[in-house]
Amino acid sequence: MYDKLVVETFLKKQLQLFPEKVAQSEEEALEFLEDICAVVCKNKKEVLEYLEDSMDTSGMTEEEILSADEVFSLSDGRYLVVEG
């Protein structure tokens, strides 16, 4: 479910969500993502739909939602949502 790009991106950007690193290696990052059931969304629309169901996004703009700490933008246009 989590390909190399997802794992590498989380490993590099994890401090945007957590005060300290939760993973030191790709293996640890993969295990962490699996443990917390992080979600990979194929586009912005999927992110917005997913977060509407899982967190209070009322009053937030699309830009604010997509720049939330829980949302990791992937270089191929997908998004990783990590609810820590």
Protein backbone atom coordinates (compact mmCIF):
# COMPACT_ATOMS: atom_id res chain seq x y z
CA MET A 1 0.00 0.00 0.00
CA TYR A 2 2.85 2.38 0.75
CA ASP A 3 5.31 2.58 -2.10
CA LYS A 4 8.88 3.87 -1.94
CA LEU A 5 7.91 7.48 -2.72
CA VAL A 6 5.36 7.54 0.12
CA VAL A 7 7.79 6.10 2.64
CA GLU A 8 10.69 8.34 1.58
CA THR A 9 8.51 11.46 1.65
CA PHE A 10 7.21 10.68 5.12
CA LEU A 11 10.71 9.97 6.37
CA LYS A 12 11.97 13.33 5.06
CA LYS A 13 8.96 15.43 6.16
CA GLN A 14 7.86 13.75 9.39
CA LEU A 15 8.89 16.76 11.50
CA GLN A 16 6.13 18.85 9.90
CA LEU A 17 3.70 16.80 12.03
CA PHE A 18 5.71 15.49 14.96
CA PRO A 19 8.01 17.37 17.36
CA GLU A 20 10.66 14.67 16.99
CA LYS A 21 11.34 11.91 14.50
CA VAL A 22 9.14 8.83 14.83
CA ALA A 23 11.19 6.85 12.29
CA GLN A 24 14.89 6.75 11.49
CA SER A 25 14.83 4.38 8.51
CA GLU A 26 12.55 3.47 5.63
CA GLU A 27 11.65 0.24 7.43
CA GLU A 28 10.62 2.14 10.57
CA ALA A 29 8.67 4.67 8.50
CA LEU A 30 6.80 1.90 6.70
CA GLU A 31 5.97 0.19 9.97
CA PHE A 32 4.76 3.46 11.50
CA LEU A 33 2.54 4.27 8.51
CA GLU A 34 1.05 0.78 8.63
CA ASP A 35 0.48 0.97 12.40
CA ILE A 36 -1.45 4.22 12.23
CA CYS A 37 -3.25 3.32 8.98
CA ALA A 38 -2.09 6.41 7.08
CA VAL A 39 -4.03 7.07 3.87
CA VAL A 40 -2.67 7.74 0.39
CA CYS A 41 -5.01 9.89 -1.70
CA LYS A 42 -4.63 10.09 -5.46
CA ASN A 43 -5.55 13.78 -5.71
CA LYS A 44 -6.75 16.91 -3.89
CA LYS A 45 -10.40 15.90 -4.19
CA GLU A 46 -9.76 12.63 -2.36
CA VAL A 47 -7.88 14.46 0.41
CA LEU A 48 -10.73 16.92 0.90
CA GLU A 49 -13.34 14.13 0.95
CA TYR A 50 -11.31 12.03 3.37
CA LEU A 51 -10.62 14.89 5.78
CA GLU A 52 -14.25 16.07 5.72
CA ASP A 53 -15.13 12.69 7.21
CA SER A 54 -12.30 12.45 9.72
CA MET A 55 -11.67 15.98 11.02
CA ASP A 56 -13.49 19.28 11.38
CA THR A 57 -12.68 21.23 8.23
CA SER A 58 -15.59 23.67 8.48
CA GLY A 59 -14.47 27.20 7.75
CA MET A 60 -11.17 26.04 6.26
CA THR A 61 -10.22 26.81 2.68
CA GLU A 62 -8.94 24.12 0.33
CA GLU A 63 -5.47 25.63 0.62
CA GLU A 64 -5.59 25.52 4.44
CA ILE A 65 -6.69 21.88 4.39
CA LEU A 66 -4.00 20.83 1.93
CA SER A 67 -1.33 22.64 3.93
CA ALA A 68 -2.37 21.06 7.24
CA ASP A 69 0.44 19.32 9.12
CA GLU A 70 -1.28 15.96 8.58
CA VAL A 71 -1.15 16.28 4.79
CA PHE A 72 2.06 15.39 2.99
CA SER A 73 2.24 16.34 -0.68
CA LEU A 74 3.98 13.73 -2.83
CA SER A 75 6.04 14.66 -5.89
CA ASP A 76 3.77 12.65 -8.22
CA GLY A 77 0.61 14.60 -7.34
CA ARG A 78 -0.71 12.24 -4.68
CA TYR A 79 -1.05 13.03 -0.99
CA LEU A 80 -0.29 11.14 2.19
CA VAL A 81 -2.60 11.84 5.14
CA VAL A 82 -1.10 10.95 8.52
CA GLU A 83 -3.34 11.43 11.52
CA GLY A 84 -0.88 11.35 14.38
